Amino acid sequence: MDRSLRLARLNLPLVAVTLVIAAAVILVLADRWRRGAFVFGGAVMLAGILRWILDPDQVGVLAVRSKTFDVGAMLTVGGVIMALAVSIDPLGTG
């Protein structure tokens, strides 16, 4: 039981990020691609924040490289995705 509890706790950050990505996919499938892209960028930023605040033994597979690289890369990519989603005009307007 202790091992399964530890495994579940270790995967909570990944589950949280996956749930936000699932919400982004649902938005894209509902033809809300700008909102979906924004939420996806938020999921990447959430992964970066979780990697930043949690200990290496608590983040599970969100730890890929060094902490500095992981946090910098995820926050940068997430921010760029969110900025692009906000800056692109919706189709059919103008």
PDB file of N, CA and C in Angstrom:
ATOM      1  N   MET A   1       0.828  -1.198   0.000  1.00  0.00           N
ATOM      2  CA  MET A   1       0.000   0.000   0.000  1.00  0.00           C
ATOM      3  C   MET A   1       0.864   1.249   0.000  1.00  0.00           C
ATOM      4  N   ASP A   2       1.930   1.241   0.763  1.00  0.00           N
ATOM      5  CA  ASP A   2       2.800   2.396   0.844  1.00  0.00           C
ATOM      6  C   ASP A   2       3.413   2.701  -0.520  1.00  0.00           C
ATOM      7  N   ARG A   3       3.760   1.670  -1.267  1.00  0.00           N
ATOM      8  CA  ARG A   3       4.350   1.864  -2.589  1.00  0.00           C
ATOM      9  C   ARG A   3       3.344   2.461  -3.572  1.00  0.00           C
ATOM     10  N   SER A   4       2.102   1.998  -3.541  1.00  0.00           N
ATOM     11  CA  SER A   4       1.086   2.531  -4.449  1.00  0.00           C
ATOM     12  C   SER A   4       0.733   3.974  -4.091  1.00  0.00           C
ATOM     13  N   LEU A   5       0.728   4.308  -2.804  1.00  0.00           N
ATOM     14  CA  LEU A   5       0.475   5.682  -2.388  1.00  0.00           C
ATOM     15  C   LEU A   5       1.598   6.600  -2.852  1.00  0.00           C
ATOM     16  N   ARG A   6       2.826   6.137  -2.738  1.00  0.00           N
ATOM     17  CA  ARG A   6       3.974   6.931  -3.191  1.00  0.00           C
ATOM     18  C   ARG A   6       3.924   7.114  -4.704  1.00  0.00           C
ATOM     19  N   LEU A   7       3.555   6.079  -5.424  1.00  0.00           N
ATOM     20  CA  LEU A   7       3.461   6.159  -6.878  1.00  0.00           C
ATOM     21  C   LEU A   7       2.366   7.139  -7.299  1.00  0.00           C
ATOM     22  N   ALA A   8       1.231   7.109  -6.609  1.00  0.00           N
ATOM     23  CA  ALA A   8       0.143   8.038  -6.917  1.00  0.00           C
ATOM     24  C   ALA A   8       0.564   9.474  -6.631  1.00  0.00           C
ATOM     25  N   ARG A   9       1.232   9.693  -5.517  1.00  0.00           N
ATOM     26  CA  ARG A   9       1.689  11.037  -5.163  1.00  0.00           C
ATOM     27  C   ARG A   9       2.742  11.541  -6.143  1.00  0.00           C
ATOM     28  N   LEU A  10       3.568  10.651  -6.618  1.00  0.00           N
ATOM     29  CA  LEU A  10       4.605  11.013  -7.571  1.00  0.00           C
ATOM     30  C   LEU A  10       4.006  11.438  -8.902  1.00  0.00           C
ATOM     31  N   ASN A  11       2.862  10.885  -9.267  1.00  0.00           N
ATOM     32  CA  ASN A  11       2.248  11.189 -10.554  1.00  0.00           C
ATOM     33  C   ASN A  11       1.226  12.319 -10.505  1.00  0.00           C
ATOM     34  N   LEU A  12       0.941  12.881  -9.350  1.00  0.00           N
ATOM     35  CA  LEU A  12      -0.038  13.965  -9.257  1.00  0.00           C
ATOM     36  C   LEU A  12       0.317  15.173 -10.122  1.00  0.00           C
ATOM     37  N   PRO A  13       1.573  15.635 -10.155  1.00  0.00           N
ATOM     38  CA  PRO A  13       1.873  16.764 -11.041  1.00  0.00           C
ATOM     39  C   PRO A  13       1.595  16.443 -12.514  1.00  0.00           C
ATOM     40  N   LEU A  14       1.953  15.246 -12.941  1.00  0.00           N
ATOM     41  CA  LEU A  14       1.700  14.855 -14.322  1.00  0.00           C
ATOM     42  C   LEU A  14       0.204  14.753 -14.597  1.00  0.00           C
ATOM     43  N   VAL A  15      -0.559  14.238 -13.648  1.00  0.00           N
ATOM     44  CA  VAL A  15      -2.008  14.129 -13.817  1.00  0.00           C
ATOM     45  C   VAL A  15      -2.634  15.522 -13.937  1.00  0.00           C
ATOM     46  N   ALA A  16      -2.183  16.461 -13.122  1.00  0.00           N
ATOM     47  CA  ALA A  16      -2.715  17.827 -13.180  1.00  0.00           C
ATOM     48  C   ALA A  16      -2.449  18.456 -14.545  1.00  0.00           C
ATOM     49  N   VAL A  17      -1.227  18.325 -15.043  1.00  0.00           N
ATOM     50  CA  VAL A  17      -0.880  18.879 -16.354  1.00  0.00           C
ATOM     51  C   VAL A  17      -1.673  18.176 -17.449  1.00  0.00           C
ATOM     52  N   THR A  18      -1.837  16.871 -17.352  1.00  0.00           N
ATOM     53  CA  THR A  18      -2.581  16.113 -18.357  1.00  0.00           C
ATOM     54  C   THR A  18      -4.050  16.531 -18.389  1.00  0.00           C
ATOM     55  N   LEU A  19      -4.636  16.807 -17.242  1.00  0.00           N
ATOM     56  CA  LEU A  19      -6.035  17.255 -17.204  1.00  0.00           C
ATOM     57  C   LEU A  19      -6.203  18.613 -17.896  1.00  0.00           C
ATOM     58  N   VAL A  20      -5.243  19.502 -17.705  1.00  0.00           N
ATOM     59  CA  VAL A  20      -5.323  20.805 -18.372  1.00  0.00           C
ATOM     60  C   VAL A  20      -5.140  20.638 -19.878  1.00  0.00           C
ATOM     61  N   ILE A  21      -4.245  19.748 -20.286  1.00  0.00           N
ATOM     62  CA  ILE A  21      -4.072  19.475 -21.718  1.00  0.00           C
ATOM     63  C   ILE A  21      -5.352  18.874 -22.303  1.00  0.00           C
ATOM     64  N   ALA A  22      -6.003  17.992 -21.557  1.00  0.00           N
ATOM     65  CA  ALA A  22      -7.268  17.413 -22.024  1.00  0.00           C
ATOM     66  C   ALA A  22      -8.323  18.498 -22.216  1.00  0.00           C
ATOM     67  N   ALA A  23      -8.357  19.473 -21.310  1.00  0.00           N
ATOM     68  CA  ALA A  23      -9.295  20.594 -21.472  1.00  0.00           C
ATOM     69  C   ALA A  23      -8.958  21.388 -22.727  1.00  0.00           C
ATOM     70  N   ALA A  24      -7.671  21.568 -23.017  1.00  0.00           N
ATOM     71  CA  ALA A  24      -7.258  22.277 -24.231  1.00  0.00           C
ATOM     72  C   ALA A  24      -7.693  21.517 -25.480  1.00  0.00           C
ATOM     73  N   VAL A  25      -7.543  20.213 -25.467  1.00  0.00           N
ATOM     74  CA  VAL A  25      -7.955  19.398 -26.618  1.00  0.00           C
ATOM     75  C   VAL A  25      -9.465  19.493 -26.826  1.00  0.00           C
ATOM     76  N   ILE A  26     -10.224  19.465 -25.747  1.00  0.00           N
ATOM     77  CA  ILE A  26     -11.677  19.590 -25.859  1.00  0.00           C
ATOM     78  C   ILE A  26     -12.056  20.940 -26.472  1.00  0.00           C
ATOM     79  N   LEU A  27     -11.381  21.998 -26.059  1.00  0.00           N
ATOM     80  CA  LEU A  27     -11.647  23.317 -26.637  1.00  0.00           C
ATOM     81  C   LEU A  27     -11.317  23.353 -28.132  1.00  0.00           C
ATOM     82  N   VAL A  28     -10.203  22.754 -28.512  1.00  0.00           N
ATOM     83  CA  VAL A  28      -9.827  22.728 -29.927  1.00  0.00           C
ATOM     84  C   VAL A  28     -10.850  21.923 -30.728  1.00  0.00           C
ATOM     85  N   LEU A  29     -11.278  20.803 -30.204  1.00  0.00           N
ATOM     86  CA  LEU A  29     -12.278  19.984 -30.898  1.00  0.00           C
ATOM     87  C   LEU A  29     -13.627  20.699 -31.012  1.00  0.00           C
ATOM     88  N   ALA A  30     -13.893  21.621 -30.099  1.00  0.00           N
ATOM     89  CA  ALA A  30     -15.132  22.392 -30.136  1.00  0.00           C
ATOM     90  C   ALA A  30     -14.974  23.666 -30.969  1.00  0.00           C
ATOM     91  N   ASP A  31     -13.947  23.712 -31.810  1.00  0.00           N
ATOM     92  CA  ASP A  31     -13.661  24.867 -32.675  1.00  0.00           C
ATOM     93  C   ASP A  31     -13.328  26.130 -31.890  1.00  0.00           C
ATOM     94  N   ARG A  32     -12.778  25.991 -30.743  1.00  0.00           N
ATOM     95  CA  ARG A  32     -12.275  27.120 -29.957  1.00  0.00           C
ATOM     96  C   ARG A  32     -10.753  27.010 -29.896  1.00  0.00           C
ATOM     97  N   TRP A  33     -10.120  27.041 -31.065  1.00  0.00           N
ATOM     98  CA  TRP A  33      -8.699  26.733 -31.148  1.00  0.00           C
ATOM     99  C   TRP A  33      -7.840  27.782 -30.455  1.00  0.00           C
ATOM    100  N   ARG A  34      -8.246  29.059 -30.478  1.00  0.00           N
ATOM    101  CA  ARG A  34      -7.446  30.081 -29.785  1.00  0.00           C
ATOM    102  C   ARG A  34      -7.484  29.860 -28.279  1.00  0.00           C
ATOM    103  N   ARG A  35      -8.663  29.584 -27.750  1.00  0.00           N
ATOM    104  CA  ARG A  35      -8.779  29.297 -26.317  1.00  0.00           C
ATOM    105  C   ARG A  35      -8.038  28.014 -25.975  1.00  0.00           C
ATOM    106  N   GLY A  36      -8.154  27.017 -26.849  1.00  0.00           N
ATOM    107  CA  GLY A  36      -7.442  25.765 -26.629  1.00  0.00           C
ATOM    108  C   GLY A  36      -5.939  25.956 -26.611  1.00  0.00           C
ATOM    109  N   ALA A  37      -5.431  26.780 -27.538  1.00  0.00           N
ATOM    110  CA  ALA A  37      -3.995  27.065 -27.567  1.00  0.00           C
ATOM    111  C   ALA A  37      -3.580  27.808 -26.304  1.00  0.00           C
ATOM    112  N   PHE A  38      -4.410  28.736 -25.849  1.00  0.00           N
ATOM    113  CA  PHE A  38      -4.111  29.474 -24.629  1.00  0.00           C
ATOM    114  C   PHE A  38      -4.057  28.535 -23.419  1.00  0.00           C
ATOM    115  N   VAL A  39      -5.029  27.645 -23.327  1.00  0.00           N
ATOM    116  CA  VAL A  39      -5.064  26.688 -22.214  1.00  0.00           C
ATOM    117  C   VAL A  39      -3.879  25.722 -22.310  1.00  0.00           C
ATOM    118  N   PHE A  40      -3.523  25.306 -23.528  1.00  0.00           N
ATOM    119  CA  PHE A  40      -2.362  24.431 -23.688  1.00  0.00           C
ATOM    120  C   PHE A  40      -1.088  25.134 -23.221  1.00  0.00           C
ATOM    121  N   GLY A  41      -0.941  26.404 -23.583  1.00  0.00           N
ATOM    122  CA  GLY A  41       0.206  27.171 -23.088  1.00  0.00           C
ATOM    123  C   GLY A  41       0.207  27.251 -21.573  1.00  0.00           C
ATOM    124  N   GLY A  42      -0.990  27.398 -20.997  1.00  0.00           N
ATOM    125  CA  GLY A  42      -1.098  27.389 -19.536  1.00  0.00           C
ATOM    126  C   GLY A  42      -0.688  26.061 -18.934  1.00  0.00           C
ATOM    127  N   ALA A  43      -0.991  24.969 -19.627  1.00  0.00           N
ATOM    128  CA  ALA A  43      -0.587  23.645 -19.140  1.00  0.00           C
ATOM    129  C   ALA A  43       0.931  23.510 -19.135  1.00  0.00           C
ATOM    130  N   VAL A  44       1.570  24.019 -20.177  1.00  0.00           N
ATOM    131  CA  VAL A  44       3.035  23.958 -20.238  1.00  0.00           C
ATOM    132  C   VAL A  44       3.631  24.826 -19.132  1.00  0.00           C
ATOM    133  N   MET A  45       3.042  25.996 -18.909  1.00  0.00           N
ATOM    134  CA  MET A  45       3.528  26.857 -17.830  1.00  0.00           C
ATOM    135  C   MET A  45       3.278  26.218 -16.456  1.00  0.00           C
ATOM    136  N   LEU A  46       2.141  25.542 -16.304  1.00  0.00           N
ATOM    137  CA  LEU A  46       1.871  24.820 -15.058  1.00  0.00           C
ATOM    138  C   LEU A  46       2.942  23.762 -14.811  1.00  0.00           C
ATOM    139  N   ALA A  47       3.319  23.056 -15.865  1.00  0.00           N
ATOM    140  CA  ALA A  47       4.380  22.050 -15.732  1.00  0.00           C
ATOM    141  C   ALA A  47       5.687  22.710 -15.284  1.00  0.00           C
ATOM    142  N   GLY A  48       5.997  23.865 -15.852  1.00  0.00           N
ATOM    143  CA  GLY A  48       7.204  24.580 -15.456  1.00  0.00           C
ATOM    144  C   GLY A  48       7.162  25.041 -14.013  1.00  0.00           C
ATOM    145  N   ILE A  49       6.009  25.540 -13.590  1.00  0.00           N
ATOM    146  CA  ILE A  49       5.867  26.001 -12.207  1.00  0.00           C
ATOM    147  C   ILE A  49       5.960  24.830 -11.238  1.00  0.00           C
ATOM    148  N   LEU A  50       5.321  23.715 -11.574  1.00  0.00           N
ATOM    149  CA  LEU A  50       5.413  22.526 -10.706  1.00  0.00           C
ATOM    150  C   LEU A  50       6.851  22.026 -10.627  1.00  0.00           C
ATOM    151  N   ARG A  51       7.550  22.060 -11.750  1.00  0.00           N
ATOM    152  CA  ARG A  51       8.954  21.642 -11.755  1.00  0.00           C
ATOM    153  C   ARG A  51       9.790  22.570 -10.884  1.00  0.00           C
ATOM    154  N   TRP A  52       9.433  23.843 -10.859  1.00  0.00           N
ATOM    155  CA  TRP A  52      10.181  24.838 -10.103  1.00  0.00           C
ATOM    156  C   TRP A  52       9.960  24.682  -8.597  1.00  0.00           C
ATOM    157  N   ILE A  53       8.696  24.480  -8.175  1.00  0.00           N
ATOM    158  CA  ILE A  53       8.402  24.524  -6.739  1.00  0.00           C
ATOM    159  C   ILE A  53       8.522  23.176  -6.034  1.00  0.00           C
ATOM    160  N   LEU A  54       8.445  22.083  -6.780  1.00  0.00           N
ATOM    161  CA  LEU A  54       8.489  20.770  -6.138  1.00  0.00           C
ATOM    162  C   LEU A  54       9.908  20.211  -6.131  1.00  0.00           C
ATOM    163  N   ASP A  55      10.165  19.362  -5.147  1.00  0.00           N
ATOM    164  CA  ASP A  55      11.448  18.675  -5.070  1.00  0.00           C
ATOM    165  C   ASP A  55      11.581  17.699  -6.234  1.00  0.00           C
ATOM    166  N   PRO A  56      12.814  17.397  -6.634  1.00  0.00           N
ATOM    167  CA  PRO A  56      13.011  16.472  -7.757  1.00  0.00           C
ATOM    168  C   PRO A  56      12.366  15.103  -7.556  1.00  0.00           C
ATOM    169  N   ASP A  57      12.250  14.636  -6.321  1.00  0.00           N
ATOM    170  CA  ASP A  57      11.628  13.332  -6.090  1.00  0.00           C
ATOM    171  C   ASP A  57      10.100  13.415  -6.067  1.00  0.00           C
ATOM    172  N   GLN A  58       9.534  14.616  -6.241  1.00  0.00           N
ATOM    173  CA  GLN A  58       8.082  14.780  -6.242  1.00  0.00           C
ATOM    174  C   GLN A  58       7.509  15.072  -7.628  1.00  0.00           C
ATOM    175  N   VAL A  59       8.334  15.411  -8.603  1.00  0.00           N
ATOM    176  CA  VAL A  59       7.808  15.824  -9.905  1.00  0.00           C
ATOM    177  C   VAL A  59       7.666  14.688 -10.901  1.00  0.00           C
ATOM    178  N   GLY A  60       8.230  13.556 -10.612  1.00  0.00           N
ATOM    179  CA  GLY A  60       8.091  12.410 -11.512  1.00  0.00           C
ATOM    180  C   GLY A  60       8.698  12.683 -12.872  1.00  0.00           C
ATOM    181  N   VAL A  61       7.942  12.389 -13.924  1.00  0.00           N
ATOM    182  CA  VAL A  61       8.477  12.492 -15.283  1.00  0.00           C
ATOM    183  C   VAL A  61       8.517  13.919 -15.810  1.00  0.00           C
ATOM    184  N   LEU A  62       8.078  14.905 -15.025  1.00  0.00           N
ATOM    185  CA  LEU A  62       8.240  16.295 -15.453  1.00  0.00           C
ATOM    186  C   LEU A  62       9.702  16.722 -15.380  1.00  0.00           C
ATOM    187  N   ALA A  63      10.511  15.970 -14.661  1.00  0.00           N
ATOM    188  CA  ALA A  63      11.945  16.239 -14.590  1.00  0.00           C
ATOM    189  C   ALA A  63      12.642  15.507 -15.724  1.00  0.00           C
ATOM    190  N   VAL A  64      13.138  16.274 -16.681  1.00  0.00           N
ATOM    191  CA  VAL A  64      13.792  15.674 -17.834  1.00  0.00           C
ATOM    192  C   VAL A  64      15.281  15.985 -17.817  1.00  0.00           C
ATOM    193  N   ARG A  65      15.608  17.244 -17.698  1.00  0.00           N
ATOM    194  CA  ARG A  65      16.996  17.698 -17.666  1.00  0.00           C
ATOM    195  C   ARG A  65      17.255  18.340 -16.312  1.00  0.00           C
ATOM    196  N   SER A  66      18.144  19.315 -16.288  1.00  0.00           N
ATOM    197  CA  SER A  66      18.376  20.026 -15.032  1.00  0.00           C
ATOM    198  C   SER A  66      17.156  20.880 -14.704  1.00  0.00           C
ATOM    199  N   LYS A  67      17.011  21.213 -13.441  1.00  0.00           N
ATOM    200  CA  LYS A  67      15.857  21.997 -13.014  1.00  0.00           C
ATOM    201  C   LYS A  67      15.823  23.352 -13.725  1.00  0.00           C
ATOM    202  N   THR A  68      16.971  24.003 -13.838  1.00  0.00           N
ATOM    203  CA  THR A  68      17.040  25.305 -14.499  1.00  0.00           C
ATOM    204  C   THR A  68      16.590  25.213 -15.944  1.00  0.00           C
ATOM    205  N   PHE A  69      17.074  24.208 -16.663  1.00  0.00           N
ATOM    206  CA  PHE A  69      16.688  24.044 -18.068  1.00  0.00           C
ATOM    207  C   PHE A  69      15.203  23.737 -18.201  1.00  0.00           C
ATOM    208  N   ASP A  70      14.719  22.793 -17.411  1.00  0.00           N
ATOM    209  CA  ASP A  70      13.300  22.411 -17.489  1.00  0.00           C
ATOM    210  C   ASP A  70      12.382  23.600 -17.232  1.00  0.00           C
ATOM    211  N   VAL A  71      12.650  24.337 -16.150  1.00  0.00           N
ATOM    212  CA  VAL A  71      11.800  25.475 -15.796  1.00  0.00           C
ATOM    213  C   VAL A  71      11.881  26.549 -16.874  1.00  0.00           C
ATOM    214  N   GLY A  72      13.084  26.883 -17.297  1.00  0.00           N
ATOM    215  CA  GLY A  72      13.247  27.918 -18.321  1.00  0.00           C
ATOM    216  C   GLY A  72      12.573  27.548 -19.626  1.00  0.00           C
ATOM    217  N   ALA A  73      12.772  26.326 -20.058  1.00  0.00           N
ATOM    218  CA  ALA A  73      12.196  25.890 -21.330  1.00  0.00           C
ATOM    219  C   ALA A  73      10.680  25.851 -21.269  1.00  0.00           C
ATOM    220  N   MET A  74      10.127  25.280 -20.198  1.00  0.00           N
ATOM    221  CA  MET A  74       8.669  25.153 -20.116  1.00  0.00           C
ATOM    222  C   MET A  74       7.985  26.508 -19.949  1.00  0.00           C
ATOM    223  N   LEU A  75       8.548  27.394 -19.139  1.00  0.00           N
ATOM    224  CA  LEU A  75       7.942  28.711 -18.972  1.00  0.00           C
ATOM    225  C   LEU A  75       8.056  29.535 -20.252  1.00  0.00           C
ATOM    226  N   THR A  76       9.176  29.428 -20.945  1.00  0.00           N
ATOM    227  CA  THR A  76       9.346  30.163 -22.197  1.00  0.00           C
ATOM    228  C   THR A  76       8.387  29.661 -23.266  1.00  0.00           C
ATOM    229  N   VAL A  77       8.351  28.357 -23.478  1.00  0.00           N
ATOM    230  CA  VAL A  77       7.480  27.788 -24.507  1.00  0.00           C
ATOM    231  C   VAL A  77       6.009  28.047 -24.169  1.00  0.00           C
ATOM    232  N   GLY A  78       5.629  27.859 -22.921  1.00  0.00           N
ATOM    233  CA  GLY A  78       4.253  28.124 -22.517  1.00  0.00           C
ATOM    234  C   GLY A  78       3.875  29.576 -22.704  1.00  0.00           C
ATOM    235  N   GLY A  79       4.778  30.477 -22.349  1.00  0.00           N
ATOM    236  CA  GLY A  79       4.520  31.906 -22.532  1.00  0.00           C
ATOM    237  C   GLY A  79       4.389  32.292 -23.992  1.00  0.00           C
ATOM    238  N   VAL A  80       5.238  31.720 -24.842  1.00  0.00           N
ATOM    239  CA  VAL A  80       5.162  32.006 -26.277  1.00  0.00           C
ATOM    240  C   VAL A  80       3.841  31.492 -26.861  1.00  0.00           C
ATOM    241  N   ILE A  81       3.440  30.298 -26.483  1.00  0.00           N
ATOM    242  CA  ILE A  81       2.166  29.748 -26.974  1.00  0.00           C
ATOM    243  C   ILE A  81       1.009  30.636 -26.537  1.00  0.00           C
ATOM    244  N   MET A  82       1.009  31.063 -25.281  1.00  0.00           N
ATOM    245  CA  MET A  82      -0.065  31.916 -24.789  1.00  0.00           C
ATOM    246  C   MET A  82      -0.057  33.278 -25.494  1.00  0.00           C
ATOM    247  N   ALA A  83       1.120  33.842 -25.695  1.00  0.00           N
ATOM    248  CA  ALA A  83       1.215  35.133 -26.384  1.00  0.00           C
ATOM    249  C   ALA A  83       0.726  35.024 -27.821  1.00  0.00           C
ATOM    250  N   LEU A  84       1.080  33.951 -28.502  1.00  0.00           N
ATOM    251  CA  LEU A  84       0.602  33.754 -29.872  1.00  0.00           C
ATOM    252  C   LEU A  84      -0.908  33.572 -29.912  1.00  0.00           C
ATOM    253  N   ALA A  85      -1.442  32.836 -28.965  1.00  0.00           N
ATOM    254  CA  ALA A  85      -2.886  32.615 -28.929  1.00  0.00           C
ATOM    255  C   ALA A  85      -3.642  33.923 -28.714  1.00  0.00           C
ATOM    256  N   VAL A  86      -3.089  34.804 -27.919  1.00  0.00           N
ATOM    257  CA  VAL A  86      -3.739  36.081 -27.648  1.00  0.00           C
ATOM    258  C   VAL A  86      -3.568  37.046 -28.820  1.00  0.00           C
ATOM    259  N   SER A  87      -2.423  36.997 -29.489  1.00  0.00           N
ATOM    260  CA  SER A  87      -2.107  37.998 -30.505  1.00  0.00           C
ATOM    261  C   SER A  87      -2.726  37.724 -31.875  1.00  0.00           C
ATOM    262  N   ILE A  88      -3.086  36.505 -32.152  1.00  0.00           N
ATOM    263  CA  ILE A  88      -3.639  36.170 -33.470  1.00  0.00           C
ATOM    264  C   ILE A  88      -5.111  36.546 -33.503  1.00  0.00           C
ATOM    265  N   ASP A  89      -5.465  37.310 -34.531  1.00  0.00           N
ATOM    266  CA  ASP A  89      -6.876  37.696 -34.700  1.00  0.00           C
ATOM    267  C   ASP A  89      -7.690  36.460 -35.081  1.00  0.00           C
ATOM    268  N   PRO A  90      -8.916  36.399 -34.562  1.00  0.00           N
ATOM    269  CA  PRO A  90      -9.763  35.276 -34.958  1.00  0.00           C
ATOM    270  C   PRO A  90     -10.088  35.344 -36.467  1.00  0.00           C
ATOM    271  N   LEU A  91     -10.238  34.200 -37.058  1.00  0.00           N
ATOM    272  CA  LEU A  91     -10.554  34.153 -38.481  1.00  0.00           C
ATOM    273  C   LEU A  91     -11.924  34.764 -38.742  1.00  0.00           C
ATOM    274  N   GLY A  92     -12.055  35.434 -39.883  1.00  0.00           N
ATOM    275  CA  GLY A  92     -13.339  35.985 -40.256  1.00  0.00           C
ATOM    276  C   GLY A  92     -13.621  37.365 -39.728  1.00  0.00           C
ATOM    277  N   THR A  93     -12.675  37.967 -39.016  1.00  0.00           N
ATOM    278  CA  THR A  93     -12.880  39.338 -38.557  1.00  0.00           C
ATOM    279  C   THR A  93     -11.860  40.220 -39.232  1.00  0.00           C
ATOM    280  N   GLY A  94     -12.179  41.435 -39.402  1.00  0.00           N
ATOM    281  CA  GLY A  94     -11.195  42.346 -39.975  1.00  0.00           C
ATOM    282  C   GLY A  94     -11.719  43.060 -41.064  1.00  0.00           C
TER     283      GLY A  94
END
